[in-house]
Amino acid sequence: GVNRARIIKMLHDRPYNAHQLSKELDLDYKTVRHHIKILEDNKVIKPTGDSYSKLYFLTEEVEDNYNIFQEIWDKFIEK
């Protein structure tokens, strides 16, 4: 979905916690947590830290293939 793609784009620039992502993307915190869980379950992002201060990063595999994600994103945005 678009919101998961937006989270991936944000995390490509720097790590964020769920609250920061919620504010930056103007999404409800629970919505962000839902998308984070899906991205974690699919090994797209990984956490560091604990609880509220937990920061999220893209996994190494996603970082290594980010150009493919960006190509898909660019085609989606063109529509």
C-alpha atoms as a PDB file:
ATOM      1  CA  GLY A   1       0.000   0.000   0.000  1.00  0.00           C
ATOM      2  CA  VAL A   2       0.852   3.623  -0.373  1.00  0.00           C
ATOM      3  CA  ASN A   3       1.333   4.235   3.344  1.00  0.00           C
ATOM      4  CA  ARG A   4       3.797   1.364   3.660  1.00  0.00           C
ATOM      5  CA  ALA A   5       5.708   2.754   0.670  1.00  0.00           C
ATOM      6  CA  ARG A   6       5.746   6.179   2.316  1.00  0.00           C
ATOM      7  CA  ILE A   7       7.193   4.621   5.483  1.00  0.00           C
ATOM      8  CA  ILE A   8       9.889   2.875   3.437  1.00  0.00           C
ATOM      9  CA  LYS A   9      10.795   6.170   1.762  1.00  0.00           C
ATOM     10  CA  MET A  10      11.050   7.928   5.130  1.00  0.00           C
ATOM     11  CA  LEU A  11      13.207   5.196   6.632  1.00  0.00           C
ATOM     12  CA  HIS A  12      15.536   5.301   3.646  1.00  0.00           C
ATOM     13  CA  ASP A  13      16.542   8.829   4.689  1.00  0.00           C
ATOM     14  CA  ARG A  14      16.998   8.118   8.393  1.00  0.00           C
ATOM     15  CA  PRO A  15      15.613   5.997  11.246  1.00  0.00           C
ATOM     16  CA  TYR A  16      12.348   7.031  12.916  1.00  0.00           C
ATOM     17  CA  ASN A  17      10.209   5.740  15.749  1.00  0.00           C
ATOM     18  CA  ALA A  18       6.485   5.113  15.282  1.00  0.00           C
ATOM     19  CA  HIS A  19       5.477   8.420  16.845  1.00  0.00           C
ATOM     20  CA  GLN A  20       7.815  10.392  14.580  1.00  0.00           C
ATOM     21  CA  LEU A  21       6.530   8.566  11.505  1.00  0.00           C
ATOM     22  CA  SER A  22       2.970   9.286  12.581  1.00  0.00           C
ATOM     23  CA  LYS A  23       3.696  13.008  12.814  1.00  0.00           C
ATOM     24  CA  GLU A  24       5.780  13.233   9.635  1.00  0.00           C
ATOM     25  CA  LEU A  25       3.285  11.288   7.518  1.00  0.00           C
ATOM     26  CA  ASP A  26       0.194  12.809   9.144  1.00  0.00           C
ATOM     27  CA  LEU A  27      -1.190   9.361   9.966  1.00  0.00           C
ATOM     28  CA  ASP A  28      -2.829   8.010  13.093  1.00  0.00           C
ATOM     29  CA  TYR A  29      -0.320   6.345  15.427  1.00  0.00           C
ATOM     30  CA  LYS A  30      -2.261   3.052  15.398  1.00  0.00           C
ATOM     31  CA  THR A  31      -2.233   3.068  11.603  1.00  0.00           C
ATOM     32  CA  VAL A  32       1.538   3.493  11.591  1.00  0.00           C
ATOM     33  CA  ARG A  33       1.945   0.679  14.142  1.00  0.00           C
ATOM     34  CA  HIS A  34      -0.183  -1.598  11.936  1.00  0.00           C
ATOM     35  CA  HIS A  35       1.980  -0.890   8.879  1.00  0.00           C
ATOM     36  CA  ILE A  36       5.190  -1.254  10.893  1.00  0.00           C
ATOM     37  CA  LYS A  37       4.097  -4.711  12.044  1.00  0.00           C
ATOM     38  CA  ILE A  38       3.449  -5.799   8.458  1.00  0.00           C
ATOM     39  CA  LEU A  39       6.782  -4.394   7.285  1.00  0.00           C
ATOM     40  CA  GLU A  40       8.597  -6.119  10.178  1.00  0.00           C
ATOM     41  CA  ASP A  41       6.829  -9.440   9.559  1.00  0.00           C
ATOM     42  CA  ASN A  42       7.966  -9.275   5.923  1.00  0.00           C
ATOM     43  CA  LYS A  43      11.548  -8.358   6.853  1.00  0.00           C
ATOM     44  CA  VAL A  44      11.411  -4.964   5.159  1.00  0.00           C
ATOM     45  CA  ILE A  45      12.283  -3.046   8.328  1.00  0.00           C
ATOM     46  CA  LYS A  46      14.028  -3.920  11.579  1.00  0.00           C
ATOM     47  CA  PRO A  47      13.770  -2.309  15.003  1.00  0.00           C
ATOM     48  CA  THR A  48      16.434  -1.270  17.446  1.00  0.00           C
ATOM     49  CA  GLY A  49      15.892  -0.161  21.016  1.00  0.00           C
ATOM     50  CA  ASP A  50      12.904  -0.916  23.174  1.00  0.00           C
ATOM     51  CA  SER A  51       9.283   0.085  23.493  1.00  0.00           C
ATOM     52  CA  TYR A  52       8.520   3.764  22.814  1.00  0.00           C
ATOM     53  CA  SER A  53      12.100   4.651  21.877  1.00  0.00           C
ATOM     54  CA  LYS A  54      12.314   1.832  19.319  1.00  0.00           C
ATOM     55  CA  LEU A  55      13.776   3.128  16.059  1.00  0.00           C
ATOM     56  CA  TYR A  56      13.122   1.474  12.728  1.00  0.00           C
ATOM     57  CA  PHE A  57      15.578   0.963   9.886  1.00  0.00           C
ATOM     58  CA  LEU A  58      15.291  -0.638   6.478  1.00  0.00           C
ATOM     59  CA  THR A  59      16.823  -4.102   6.367  1.00  0.00           C
ATOM     60  CA  GLU A  60      20.105  -4.484   4.529  1.00  0.00           C
ATOM     61  CA  GLU A  61      18.409  -6.364   1.689  1.00  0.00           C
ATOM     62  CA  VAL A  62      15.892  -3.555   1.155  1.00  0.00           C
ATOM     63  CA  GLU A  63      18.644  -0.931   1.290  1.00  0.00           C
ATOM     64  CA  ASP A  64      20.659  -2.906  -1.271  1.00  0.00           C
ATOM     65  CA  ASN A  65      17.646  -3.015  -3.618  1.00  0.00           C
ATOM     66  CA  TYR A  66      16.204   0.421  -2.877  1.00  0.00           C
ATOM     67  CA  ASN A  67      16.715   1.544  -6.487  1.00  0.00           C
ATOM     68  CA  ILE A  68      14.173  -1.090  -7.596  1.00  0.00           C
ATOM     69  CA  PHE A  69      11.670   0.201  -5.038  1.00  0.00           C
ATOM     70  CA  GLN A  70      12.309   3.770  -6.253  1.00  0.00           C
ATOM     71  CA  GLU A  71      11.662   2.780  -9.893  1.00  0.00           C
ATOM     72  CA  ILE A  72       8.327   1.225  -8.917  1.00  0.00           C
ATOM     73  CA  TRP A  73       7.429   4.260  -6.784  1.00  0.00           C
ATOM     74  CA  ASP A  74       8.252   6.641  -9.655  1.00  0.00           C
ATOM     75  CA  LYS A  75       5.992   4.694 -12.050  1.00  0.00           C
ATOM     76  CA  PHE A  76       3.194   4.689  -9.468  1.00  0.00           C
ATOM     77  CA  ILE A  77       3.485   8.461  -8.936  1.00  0.00           C
ATOM     78  CA  GLU A  78       3.404   9.150 -12.704  1.00  0.00           C
ATOM     79  CA  LYS A  79      -0.110   7.675 -12.972  1.00  0.00           C
END
